[in-house]
Amino acid sequence: MSPDRGSASIWLLAVGFVVVSVGTAAALVGVARTDRHRAQAAADLGALAGARYAIAGTGTACARAGEIVSANGARLLDCRLEGLDLVVTAGVGPARAAARAGPVPG
C-alpha cells in the first residue's frame, strides 16, 4: 500500500475549509457595508426631516429626526443643532454615520 493513500481526502477537506472560510468572510464584509449604507441613509433622511423643524428648537427637530431614523431601521445616536444646521448620527449594528442638514447659505 502506498503511504499517500487517503491524502486526497485530507486535501479536499482543507480546500473545502478554505472555501467556506473565504465565503464567510466575504459575507461578513457585505453585511458590514450594508449596515454602513443603511446607517448613512437613515442619518441623511433624519437630518433632512429634522432640519425643517430647526426653528422650533432642538427637541422638536431631534424628535422628528429620531422618528425618521427609526423608521429606516437605525437608532439615533446623537442629534444636535449647530446654528440652524441639524447634525444627526445614526447607527445600524456597529456601523455609525453622521449627516448635516440646514438652510442653504446665501
PDB file of N, CA and C in Angstrom:
ATOM      1  N   MET A   1       0.816  -1.185   0.000  1.00  0.00           N
ATOM      2  CA  MET A   1       0.000   0.000   0.000  1.00  0.00           C
ATOM      3  C   MET A   1       0.864   1.254   0.000  1.00  0.00           C
ATOM      4  N   SER A   2       0.409   2.225  -0.722  1.00  0.00           N
ATOM      5  CA  SER A   2       1.139   3.485  -0.844  1.00  0.00           C
ATOM      6  C   SER A   2       0.948   4.330   0.418  1.00  0.00           C
ATOM      7  N   PRO A   3       1.994   5.008   0.891  1.00  0.00           N
ATOM      8  CA  PRO A   3       1.850   5.866   2.069  1.00  0.00           C
ATOM      9  C   PRO A   3       0.990   7.109   1.785  1.00  0.00           C
ATOM     10  N   ASP A   4       0.745   7.405   0.513  1.00  0.00           N
ATOM     11  CA  ASP A   4      -0.074   8.567   0.160  1.00  0.00           C
ATOM     12  C   ASP A   4      -1.562   8.232   0.078  1.00  0.00           C
ATOM     13  N   ARG A   5      -1.912   6.986   0.293  1.00  0.00           N
ATOM     14  CA  ARG A   5      -3.307   6.572   0.169  1.00  0.00           C
ATOM     15  C   ARG A   5      -4.158   7.345   1.191  1.00  0.00           C
ATOM     16  N   GLY A   6      -5.231   7.969   0.717  1.00  0.00           N
ATOM     17  CA  GLY A   6      -6.135   8.731   1.588  1.00  0.00           C
ATOM     18  C   GLY A   6      -5.770  10.197   1.724  1.00  0.00           C
ATOM     19  N   SER A   7      -4.653  10.618   1.144  1.00  0.00           N
ATOM     20  CA  SER A   7      -4.257  12.023   1.286  1.00  0.00           C
ATOM     21  C   SER A   7      -5.171  12.958   0.497  1.00  0.00           C
ATOM     22  N   ALA A   8      -5.821  12.450  -0.539  1.00  0.00           N
ATOM     23  CA  ALA A   8      -6.749  13.291  -1.310  1.00  0.00           C
ATOM     24  C   ALA A   8      -7.915  13.743  -0.442  1.00  0.00           C
ATOM     25  N   SER A   9      -8.352  12.893   0.467  1.00  0.00           N
ATOM     26  CA  SER A   9      -9.450  13.268   1.371  1.00  0.00           C
ATOM     27  C   SER A   9      -9.040  14.439   2.263  1.00  0.00           C
ATOM     28  N   ILE A  10      -7.827  14.403   2.756  1.00  0.00           N
ATOM     29  CA  ILE A  10      -7.325  15.487   3.607  1.00  0.00           C
ATOM     30  C   ILE A  10      -7.233  16.786   2.810  1.00  0.00           C
ATOM     31  N   TRP A  11      -6.722  16.703   1.588  1.00  0.00           N
ATOM     32  CA  TRP A  11      -6.619  17.892   0.739  1.00  0.00           C
ATOM     33  C   TRP A  11      -8.002  18.443   0.412  1.00  0.00           C
ATOM     34  N   LEU A  12      -8.938  17.567   0.139  1.00  0.00           N
ATOM     35  CA  LEU A  12     -10.301  18.004  -0.172  1.00  0.00           C
ATOM     36  C   LEU A  12     -10.927  18.714   1.024  1.00  0.00           C
ATOM     37  N   LEU A  13     -10.730  18.166   2.214  1.00  0.00           N
ATOM     38  CA  LEU A  13     -11.236  18.824   3.422  1.00  0.00           C
ATOM     39  C   LEU A  13     -10.576  20.185   3.631  1.00  0.00           C
ATOM     40  N   ALA A  14      -9.278  20.272   3.407  1.00  0.00           N
ATOM     41  CA  ALA A  14      -8.561  21.540   3.585  1.00  0.00           C
ATOM     42  C   ALA A  14      -9.057  22.593   2.604  1.00  0.00           C
ATOM     43  N   VAL A  15      -9.209  22.203   1.348  1.00  0.00           N
ATOM     44  CA  VAL A  15      -9.702  23.149   0.335  1.00  0.00           C
ATOM     45  C   VAL A  15     -11.134  23.565   0.663  1.00  0.00           C
ATOM     46  N   GLY A  16     -11.948  22.622   1.087  1.00  0.00           N
ATOM     47  CA  GLY A  16     -13.323  22.946   1.473  1.00  0.00           C
ATOM     48  C   GLY A  16     -13.370  23.931   2.626  1.00  0.00           C
ATOM     49  N   PHE A  17     -12.503  23.738   3.613  1.00  0.00           N
ATOM     50  CA  PHE A  17     -12.436  24.650   4.751  1.00  0.00           C
ATOM     51  C   PHE A  17     -12.046  26.053   4.304  1.00  0.00           C
ATOM     52  N   VAL A  18     -11.074  26.152   3.418  1.00  0.00           N
ATOM     53  CA  VAL A  18     -10.638  27.460   2.913  1.00  0.00           C
ATOM     54  C   VAL A  18     -11.773  28.139   2.152  1.00  0.00           C
ATOM     55  N   VAL A  19     -12.470  27.401   1.314  1.00  0.00           N
ATOM     56  CA  VAL A  19     -13.576  27.975   0.536  1.00  0.00           C
ATOM     57  C   VAL A  19     -14.677  28.478   1.465  1.00  0.00           C
ATOM     58  N   VAL A  20     -15.036  27.688   2.467  1.00  0.00           N
ATOM     59  CA  VAL A  20     -16.078  28.106   3.417  1.00  0.00           C
ATOM     60  C   VAL A  20     -15.616  29.326   4.212  1.00  0.00           C
ATOM     61  N   SER A  21     -14.358  29.354   4.625  1.00  0.00           N
ATOM     62  CA  SER A  21     -13.832  30.494   5.386  1.00  0.00           C
ATOM     63  C   SER A  21     -13.851  31.777   4.566  1.00  0.00           C
ATOM     64  N   VAL A  22     -13.419  31.698   3.324  1.00  0.00           N
ATOM     65  CA  VAL A  22     -13.422  32.877   2.451  1.00  0.00           C
ATOM     66  C   VAL A  22     -14.855  33.336   2.196  1.00  0.00           C
ATOM     67  N   GLY A  23     -15.754  32.414   1.978  1.00  0.00           N
ATOM     68  CA  GLY A  23     -17.159  32.767   1.760  1.00  0.00           C
ATOM     69  C   GLY A  23     -17.777  33.441   2.971  1.00  0.00           C
ATOM     70  N   THR A  24     -17.474  32.926   4.154  1.00  0.00           N
ATOM     71  CA  THR A  24     -17.988  33.530   5.387  1.00  0.00           C
ATOM     72  C   THR A  24     -17.425  34.932   5.577  1.00  0.00           C
ATOM     73  N   ALA A  25     -16.138  35.105   5.337  1.00  0.00           N
ATOM     74  CA  ALA A  25     -15.520  36.429   5.466  1.00  0.00           C
ATOM     75  C   ALA A  25     -16.137  37.415   4.480  1.00  0.00           C
ATOM     76  N   ALA A  26     -16.371  36.978   3.258  1.00  0.00           N
ATOM     77  CA  ALA A  26     -16.984  37.857   2.258  1.00  0.00           C
ATOM     78  C   ALA A  26     -18.399  38.243   2.670  1.00  0.00           C
ATOM     79  N   ALA A  27     -19.138  37.310   3.230  1.00  0.00           N
ATOM     80  CA  ALA A  27     -20.499  37.615   3.683  1.00  0.00           C
ATOM     81  C   ALA A  27     -20.479  38.630   4.823  1.00  0.00           C
ATOM     82  N   LEU A  28     -19.539  38.487   5.753  1.00  0.00           N
ATOM     83  CA  LEU A  28     -19.442  39.435   6.864  1.00  0.00           C
ATOM     84  C   LEU A  28     -19.066  40.834   6.380  1.00  0.00           C
ATOM     85  N   VAL A  29     -18.181  40.918   5.414  1.00  0.00           N
ATOM     86  CA  VAL A  29     -17.825  42.216   4.833  1.00  0.00           C
ATOM     87  C   VAL A  29     -19.048  42.829   4.153  1.00  0.00           C
ATOM     88  N   GLY A  30     -19.809  42.021   3.455  1.00  0.00           N
ATOM     89  CA  GLY A  30     -21.024  42.509   2.799  1.00  0.00           C
ATOM     90  C   GLY A  30     -22.037  43.042   3.791  1.00  0.00           C
ATOM     91  N   VAL A  31     -22.219  42.346   4.902  1.00  0.00           N
ATOM     92  CA  VAL A  31     -23.150  42.800   5.937  1.00  0.00           C
ATOM     93  C   VAL A  31     -22.673  44.119   6.533  1.00  0.00           C
ATOM     94  N   ALA A  32     -21.381  44.236   6.795  1.00  0.00           N
ATOM     95  CA  ALA A  32     -20.842  45.477   7.361  1.00  0.00           C
ATOM     96  C   ALA A  32     -21.046  46.652   6.413  1.00  0.00           C
ATOM     97  N   ARG A  33     -20.819  46.428   5.130  1.00  0.00           N
ATOM     98  CA  ARG A  33     -21.022  47.503   4.145  1.00  0.00           C
ATOM     99  C   ARG A  33     -22.497  47.885   4.059  1.00  0.00           C
ATOM    100  N   THR A  34     -23.373  46.899   4.083  1.00  0.00           N
ATOM    101  CA  THR A  34     -24.809  47.171   4.027  1.00  0.00           C
ATOM    102  C   THR A  34     -25.247  47.961   5.254  1.00  0.00           C
ATOM    103  N   ASP A  35     -24.761  47.571   6.440  1.00  0.00           N
ATOM    104  CA  ASP A  35     -25.100  48.306   7.659  1.00  0.00           C
ATOM    105  C   ASP A  35     -24.624  49.751   7.577  1.00  0.00           C
ATOM    106  N   ARG A  36     -23.448  49.965   7.040  1.00  0.00           N
ATOM    107  CA  ARG A  36     -22.914  51.334   6.910  1.00  0.00           C
ATOM    108  C   ARG A  36     -23.786  52.169   5.980  1.00  0.00           C
ATOM    109  N   HIS A  37     -24.205  51.587   4.873  1.00  0.00           N
ATOM    110  CA  HIS A  37     -25.060  52.314   3.930  1.00  0.00           C
ATOM    111  C   HIS A  37     -26.433  52.594   4.537  1.00  0.00           C
ATOM    112  N   ARG A  38     -26.977  51.633   5.270  1.00  0.00           N
ATOM    113  CA  ARG A  38     -28.270  51.850   5.925  1.00  0.00           C
ATOM    114  C   ARG A  38     -28.173  52.949   6.978  1.00  0.00           C
ATOM    115  N   ALA A  39     -27.078  52.952   7.744  1.00  0.00           N
ATOM    116  CA  ALA A  39     -26.878  53.995   8.750  1.00  0.00           C
ATOM    117  C   ALA A  39     -26.755  55.363   8.089  1.00  0.00           C
ATOM    118  N   GLN A  40     -26.035  55.445   6.975  1.00  0.00           N
ATOM    119  CA  GLN A  40     -25.871  56.722   6.279  1.00  0.00           C
ATOM    120  C   GLN A  40     -27.193  57.217   5.711  1.00  0.00           C
ATOM    121  N   ALA A  41     -27.967  56.326   5.113  1.00  0.00           N
ATOM    122  CA  ALA A  41     -29.270  56.723   4.566  1.00  0.00           C
ATOM    123  C   ALA A  41     -30.193  57.214   5.677  1.00  0.00           C
ATOM    124  N   ALA A  42     -30.210  56.515   6.802  1.00  0.00           N
ATOM    125  CA  ALA A  42     -31.063  56.921   7.921  1.00  0.00           C
ATOM    126  C   ALA A  42     -30.624  58.273   8.475  1.00  0.00           C
ATOM    127  N   ALA A  43     -29.317  58.492   8.606  1.00  0.00           N
ATOM    128  CA  ALA A  43     -28.815  59.777   9.103  1.00  0.00           C
ATOM    129  C   ALA A  43     -29.152  60.903   8.131  1.00  0.00           C
ATOM    130  N   ASP A  44     -28.963  60.667   6.837  1.00  0.00           N
ATOM    131  CA  ASP A  44     -29.280  61.685   5.828  1.00  0.00           C
ATOM    132  C   ASP A  44     -30.756  62.068   5.881  1.00  0.00           C
ATOM    133  N   LEU A  45     -31.619  61.066   5.862  1.00  0.00           N
ATOM    134  CA  LEU A  45     -33.058  61.342   5.855  1.00  0.00           C
ATOM    135  C   LEU A  45     -33.515  61.968   7.167  1.00  0.00           C
ATOM    136  N   GLY A  46     -32.956  61.509   8.283  1.00  0.00           N
ATOM    137  CA  GLY A  46     -33.306  62.087   9.578  1.00  0.00           C
ATOM    138  C   GLY A  46     -32.890  63.542   9.678  1.00  0.00           C
ATOM    139  N   ALA A  47     -31.694  63.859   9.193  1.00  0.00           N
ATOM    140  CA  ALA A  47     -31.220  65.244   9.229  1.00  0.00           C
ATOM    141  C   ALA A  47     -32.087  66.141   8.353  1.00  0.00           C
ATOM    142  N   LEU A  48     -32.430  65.654   7.175  1.00  0.00           N
ATOM    143  CA  LEU A  48     -33.283  66.454   6.286  1.00  0.00           C
ATOM    144  C   LEU A  48     -34.662  66.691   6.893  1.00  0.00           C
ATOM    145  N   ALA A  49     -35.243  65.641   7.459  1.00  0.00           N
ATOM    146  CA  ALA A  49     -36.581  65.783   8.049  1.00  0.00           C
ATOM    147  C   ALA A  49     -36.550  66.676   9.278  1.00  0.00           C
ATOM    148  N   GLY A  50     -35.540  66.513  10.119  1.00  0.00           N
ATOM    149  CA  GLY A  50     -35.461  67.303  11.338  1.00  0.00           C
ATOM    150  C   GLY A  50     -35.084  68.750  11.098  1.00  0.00           C
ATOM    151  N   ALA A  51     -34.300  69.027  10.063  1.00  0.00           N
ATOM    152  CA  ALA A  51     -33.862  70.397   9.782  1.00  0.00           C
ATOM    153  C   ALA A  51     -35.044  71.317   9.505  1.00  0.00           C
ATOM    154  N   ARG A  52     -36.103  70.747   9.000  1.00  0.00           N
ATOM    155  CA  ARG A  52     -37.305  71.550   8.738  1.00  0.00           C
ATOM    156  C   ARG A  52     -37.848  72.168  10.023  1.00  0.00           C
ATOM    157  N   TYR A  53     -37.582  71.515  11.154  1.00  0.00           N
ATOM    158  CA  TYR A  53     -38.097  71.979  12.443  1.00  0.00           C
ATOM    159  C   TYR A  53     -37.025  72.659  13.290  1.00  0.00           C
ATOM    160  N   ALA A  54     -35.913  73.052  12.697  1.00  0.00           N
ATOM    161  CA  ALA A  54     -34.817  73.673  13.446  1.00  0.00           C
ATOM    162  C   ALA A  54     -35.256  74.959  14.142  1.00  0.00           C
ATOM    163  N   ILE A  55     -36.137  75.700  13.518  1.00  0.00           N
ATOM    164  CA  ILE A  55     -36.636  76.952  14.107  1.00  0.00           C
ATOM    165  C   ILE A  55     -37.366  76.685  15.421  1.00  0.00           C
ATOM    166  N   ALA A  56     -38.009  75.515  15.540  1.00  0.00           N
ATOM    167  CA  ALA A  56     -38.773  75.169  16.742  1.00  0.00           C
ATOM    168  C   ALA A  56     -37.875  74.719  17.892  1.00  0.00           C
ATOM    169  N   GLY A  57     -36.604  74.479  17.635  1.00  0.00           N
ATOM    170  CA  GLY A  57     -35.679  74.098  18.696  1.00  0.00           C
ATOM    171  C   GLY A  57     -35.176  72.667  18.566  1.00  0.00           C
ATOM    172  N   THR A  58     -34.188  72.374  19.390  1.00  0.00           N
ATOM    173  CA  THR A  58     -33.529  71.071  19.335  1.00  0.00           C
ATOM    174  C   THR A  58     -34.489  69.922  19.613  1.00  0.00           C
ATOM    175  N   GLY A  59     -35.337  70.067  20.620  1.00  0.00           N
ATOM    176  CA  GLY A  59     -36.246  68.982  20.994  1.00  0.00           C
ATOM    177  C   GLY A  59     -37.152  68.559  19.861  1.00  0.00           C
ATOM    178  N   THR A  60     -37.786  69.526  19.221  1.00  0.00           N
ATOM    179  CA  THR A  60     -38.708  69.228  18.122  1.00  0.00           C
ATOM    180  C   THR A  60     -37.965  68.673  16.917  1.00  0.00           C
ATOM    181  N   ALA A  61     -36.849  69.302  16.563  1.00  0.00           N
ATOM    182  CA  ALA A  61     -36.082  68.860  15.395  1.00  0.00           C
ATOM    183  C   ALA A  61     -35.536  67.446  15.605  1.00  0.00           C
ATOM    184  N   CYS A  62     -35.004  67.179  16.784  1.00  0.00           N
ATOM    185  CA  CYS A  62     -34.431  65.858  17.052  1.00  0.00           C
ATOM    186  C   CYS A  62     -35.507  64.786  17.203  1.00  0.00           C
ATOM    187  N   ALA A  63     -36.678  65.166  17.701  1.00  0.00           N
ATOM    188  CA  ALA A  63     -37.775  64.194  17.786  1.00  0.00           C
ATOM    189  C   ALA A  63     -38.176  63.733  16.389  1.00  0.00           C
ATOM    190  N   ARG A  64     -38.295  64.678  15.469  1.00  0.00           N
ATOM    191  CA  ARG A  64     -38.654  64.315  14.091  1.00  0.00           C
ATOM    192  C   ARG A  64     -37.539  63.499  13.440  1.00  0.00           C
ATOM    193  N   ALA A  65     -36.301  63.902  13.652  1.00  0.00           N
ATOM    194  CA  ALA A  65     -35.172  63.146  13.097  1.00  0.00           C
ATOM    195  C   ALA A  65     -35.168  61.723  13.645  1.00  0.00           C
ATOM    196  N   GLY A  66     -35.440  61.571  14.933  1.00  0.00           N
ATOM    197  CA  GLY A  66     -35.474  60.250  15.554  1.00  0.00           C
ATOM    198  C   GLY A  66     -36.548  59.354  14.974  1.00  0.00           C
ATOM    199  N   GLU A  67     -37.714  59.933  14.675  1.00  0.00           N
ATOM    200  CA  GLU A  67     -38.798  59.154  14.057  1.00  0.00           C
ATOM    201  C   GLU A  67     -38.353  58.595  12.707  1.00  0.00           C
ATOM    202  N   ILE A  68     -37.730  59.443  11.913  1.00  0.00           N
ATOM    203  CA  ILE A  68     -37.311  59.030  10.568  1.00  0.00           C
ATOM    204  C   ILE A  68     -36.167  58.021  10.639  1.00  0.00           C
ATOM    205  N   VAL A  69     -35.223  58.255  11.528  1.00  0.00           N
ATOM    206  CA  VAL A  69     -34.106  57.319  11.687  1.00  0.00           C
ATOM    207  C   VAL A  69     -34.637  55.941  12.090  1.00  0.00           C
ATOM    208  N   SER A  70     -35.555  55.908  13.052  1.00  0.00           N
ATOM    209  CA  SER A  70     -36.139  54.633  13.493  1.00  0.00           C
ATOM    210  C   SER A  70     -36.924  53.957  12.383  1.00  0.00           C
ATOM    211  N   ALA A  71     -37.664  54.737  11.612  1.00  0.00           N
ATOM    212  CA  ALA A  71     -38.448  54.177  10.509  1.00  0.00           C
ATOM    213  C   ALA A  71     -37.552  53.540   9.453  1.00  0.00           C
ATOM    214  N   ASN A  72     -36.291  53.948   9.414  1.00  0.00           N
ATOM    215  CA  ASN A  72     -35.337  53.385   8.457  1.00  0.00           C
ATOM    216  C   ASN A  72     -34.489  52.268   9.062  1.00  0.00           C
ATOM    217  N   GLY A  73     -34.900  51.762  10.213  1.00  0.00           N
ATOM    218  CA  GLY A  73     -34.233  50.611  10.808  1.00  0.00           C
ATOM    219  C   GLY A  73     -32.923  50.911  11.503  1.00  0.00           C
ATOM    220  N   ALA A  74     -32.711  52.159  11.879  1.00  0.00           N
ATOM    221  CA  ALA A  74     -31.475  52.535  12.573  1.00  0.00           C
ATOM    222  C   ALA A  74     -31.831  53.094  13.943  1.00  0.00           C
ATOM    223  N   ARG A  75     -30.816  53.382  14.732  1.00  0.00           N
ATOM    224  CA  ARG A  75     -31.056  54.018  16.027  1.00  0.00           C
ATOM    225  C   ARG A  75     -30.366  55.384  16.032  1.00  0.00           C
ATOM    226  N   LEU A  76     -31.016  56.332  16.668  1.00  0.00           N
ATOM    227  CA  LEU A  76     -30.476  57.688  16.761  1.00  0.00           C
ATOM    228  C   LEU A  76     -29.420  57.703  17.864  1.00  0.00           C
ATOM    229  N   LEU A  77     -28.180  57.988  17.510  1.00  0.00           N
ATOM    230  CA  LEU A  77     -27.083  58.008  18.475  1.00  0.00           C
ATOM    231  C   LEU A  77     -26.814  59.406  19.006  1.00  0.00           C
ATOM    232  N   ASP A  78     -26.999  60.415  18.158  1.00  0.00           N
ATOM    233  CA  ASP A  78     -26.747  61.791  18.575  1.00  0.00           C
ATOM    234  C   ASP A  78     -27.530  62.721  17.668  1.00  0.00           C
ATOM    235  N   CYS A  79     -27.983  63.818  18.247  1.00  0.00           N
ATOM    236  CA  CYS A  79     -28.709  64.825  17.473  1.00  0.00           C
ATOM    237  C   CYS A  79     -28.475  66.169  18.145  1.00  0.00           C
ATOM    238  N   ARG A  80     -28.040  67.150  17.363  1.00  0.00           N
ATOM    239  CA  ARG A  80     -27.806  68.478  17.928  1.00  0.00           C
ATOM    240  C   ARG A  80     -27.964  69.544  16.851  1.00  0.00           C
ATOM    241  N   LEU A  81     -28.315  70.727  17.317  1.00  0.00           N
ATOM    242  CA  LEU A  81     -28.395  71.885  16.429  1.00  0.00           C
ATOM    243  C   LEU A  81     -27.101  72.671  16.536  1.00  0.00           C
ATOM    244  N   GLU A  82     -26.561  73.026  15.397  1.00  0.00           N
ATOM    245  CA  GLU A  82     -25.415  73.934  15.327  1.00  0.00           C
ATOM    246  C   GLU A  82     -25.874  75.107  14.485  1.00  0.00           C
ATOM    247  N   GLY A  83     -26.332  76.144  15.155  1.00  0.00           N
ATOM    248  CA  GLY A  83     -26.987  77.247  14.446  1.00  0.00           C
ATOM    249  C   GLY A  83     -28.323  76.739  13.946  1.00  0.00           C
ATOM    250  N   LEU A  84     -28.537  76.810  12.640  1.00  0.00           N
ATOM    251  CA  LEU A  84     -29.752  76.239  12.054  1.00  0.00           C
ATOM    252  C   LEU A  84     -29.478  74.905  11.359  1.00  0.00           C
ATOM    253  N   ASP A  85     -28.260  74.399  11.485  1.00  0.00           N
ATOM    254  CA  ASP A  85     -27.920  73.090  10.921  1.00  0.00           C
ATOM    255  C   ASP A  85     -28.211  72.002  11.950  1.00  0.00           C
ATOM    256  N   LEU A  86     -28.876  70.953  11.512  1.00  0.00           N
ATOM    257  CA  LEU A  86     -29.129  69.809  12.376  1.00  0.00           C
ATOM    258  C   LEU A  86     -28.107  68.726  12.037  1.00  0.00           C
ATOM    259  N   VAL A  87     -27.390  68.254  13.041  1.00  0.00           N
ATOM    260  CA  VAL A  87     -26.390  67.196  12.864  1.00  0.00           C
ATOM    261  C   VAL A  87     -26.935  65.934  13.526  1.00  0.00           C
ATOM    262  N   VAL A  88     -27.090  64.885  12.732  1.00  0.00           N
ATOM    263  CA  VAL A  88     -27.678  63.625  13.196  1.00  0.00           C
ATOM    264  C   VAL A  88     -26.650  62.514  13.017  1.00  0.00           C
ATOM    265  N   THR A  89     -26.500  61.690  14.047  1.00  0.00           N
ATOM    266  CA  THR A  89     -25.666  60.491  13.959  1.00  0.00           C
ATOM    267  C   THR A  89     -26.563  59.287  14.186  1.00  0.00           C
ATOM    268  N   ALA A  90     -26.517  58.342  13.244  1.00  0.00           N
ATOM    269  CA  ALA A  90     -27.351  57.140  13.314  1.00  0.00           C
ATOM    270  C   ALA A  90     -26.463  55.906  13.297  1.00  0.00           C
ATOM    271  N   GLY A  91     -26.993  54.804  13.822  1.00  0.00           N
ATOM    272  CA  GLY A  91     -26.232  53.566  13.841  1.00  0.00           C
ATOM    273  C   GLY A  91     -27.080  52.368  13.463  1.00  0.00           C
ATOM    274  N   VAL A  92     -26.447  51.433  12.779  1.00  0.00           N
ATOM    275  CA  VAL A  92     -27.043  50.136  12.462  1.00  0.00           C
ATOM    276  C   VAL A  92     -25.984  49.104  12.817  1.00  0.00           C
ATOM    277  N   GLY A  93     -26.258  48.289  13.831  1.00  0.00           N
ATOM    278  CA  GLY A  93     -25.234  47.370  14.316  1.00  0.00           C
ATOM    279  C   GLY A  93     -24.045  48.183  14.790  1.00  0.00           C
ATOM    280  N   PRO A  94     -22.840  47.784  14.440  1.00  0.00           N
ATOM    281  CA  PRO A  94     -21.674  48.564  14.859  1.00  0.00           C
ATOM    282  C   PRO A  94     -21.382  49.763  13.946  1.00  0.00           C
ATOM    283  N   ALA A  95     -22.077  49.862  12.830  1.00  0.00           N
ATOM    284  CA  ALA A  95     -21.833  50.945  11.866  1.00  0.00           C
ATOM    285  C   ALA A  95     -22.460  52.245  12.357  1.00  0.00           C
ATOM    286  N   ARG A  96     -21.746  53.340  12.139  1.00  0.00           N
ATOM    287  CA  ARG A  96     -22.231  54.678  12.502  1.00  0.00           C
ATOM    288  C   ARG A  96     -22.075  55.595  11.300  1.00  0.00           C
ATOM    289  N   ALA A  97     -22.975  56.573  11.203  1.00  0.00           N
ATOM    290  CA  ALA A  97     -22.879  57.559  10.129  1.00  0.00           C
ATOM    291  C   ALA A  97     -23.482  58.863  10.624  1.00  0.00           C
ATOM    292  N   ALA A  98     -22.949  59.972  10.139  1.00  0.00           N
ATOM    293  CA  ALA A  98     -23.440  61.290  10.523  1.00  0.00           C
ATOM    294  C   ALA A  98     -23.851  62.058   9.281  1.00  0.00           C
ATOM    295  N   ALA A  99     -24.810  62.971   9.476  1.00  0.00           N
ATOM    296  CA  ALA A  99     -25.273  63.823   8.381  1.00  0.00           C
ATOM    297  C   ALA A  99     -25.618  65.192   8.947  1.00  0.00           C
ATOM    298  N   ARG A 100     -25.491  66.189   8.111  1.00  0.00           N
ATOM    299  CA  ARG A 100     -25.806  67.574   8.478  1.00  0.00           C
ATOM    300  C   ARG A 100     -26.775  68.124   7.447  1.00  0.00           C
ATOM    301  N   ALA A 101     -27.796  68.833   7.918  1.00  0.00           N
ATOM    302  CA  ALA A 101     -28.748  69.470   7.007  1.00  0.00           C
ATOM    303  C   ALA A 101     -29.175  70.801   7.606  1.00  0.00           C
ATOM    304  N   GLY A 102     -29.409  71.746   6.732  1.00  0.00           N
ATOM    305  CA  GLY A 102     -29.836  73.063   7.168  1.00  0.00           C
ATOM    306  C   GLY A 102     -30.101  73.937   5.964  1.00  0.00           C
ATOM    307  N   PRO A 103     -30.383  75.206   6.212  1.00  0.00           N
ATOM    308  CA  PRO A 103     -30.658  76.105   5.093  1.00  0.00           C
ATOM    309  C   PRO A 103     -29.415  76.333   4.238  1.00  0.00           C
ATOM    310  N   VAL A 104     -29.640  76.578   2.980  1.00  0.00           N
ATOM    311  CA  VAL A 104     -28.544  76.856   2.057  1.00  0.00           C
ATOM    312  C   VAL A 104     -28.058  78.277   2.310  1.00  0.00           C
ATOM    313  N   PRO A 105     -26.748  78.456   2.547  1.00  0.00           N
ATOM    314  CA  PRO A 105     -26.255  79.813   2.777  1.00  0.00           C
ATOM    315  C   PRO A 105     -26.367  80.656   1.508  1.00  0.00           C
ATOM    316  N   GLY A 106     -26.619  81.906   1.697  1.00  0.00           N
ATOM    317  CA  GLY A 106     -26.659  82.752   0.519  1.00  0.00           C
ATOM    318  C   GLY A 106     -27.519  83.858   0.690  1.00  0.00           C
TER     319      GLY A 106
END
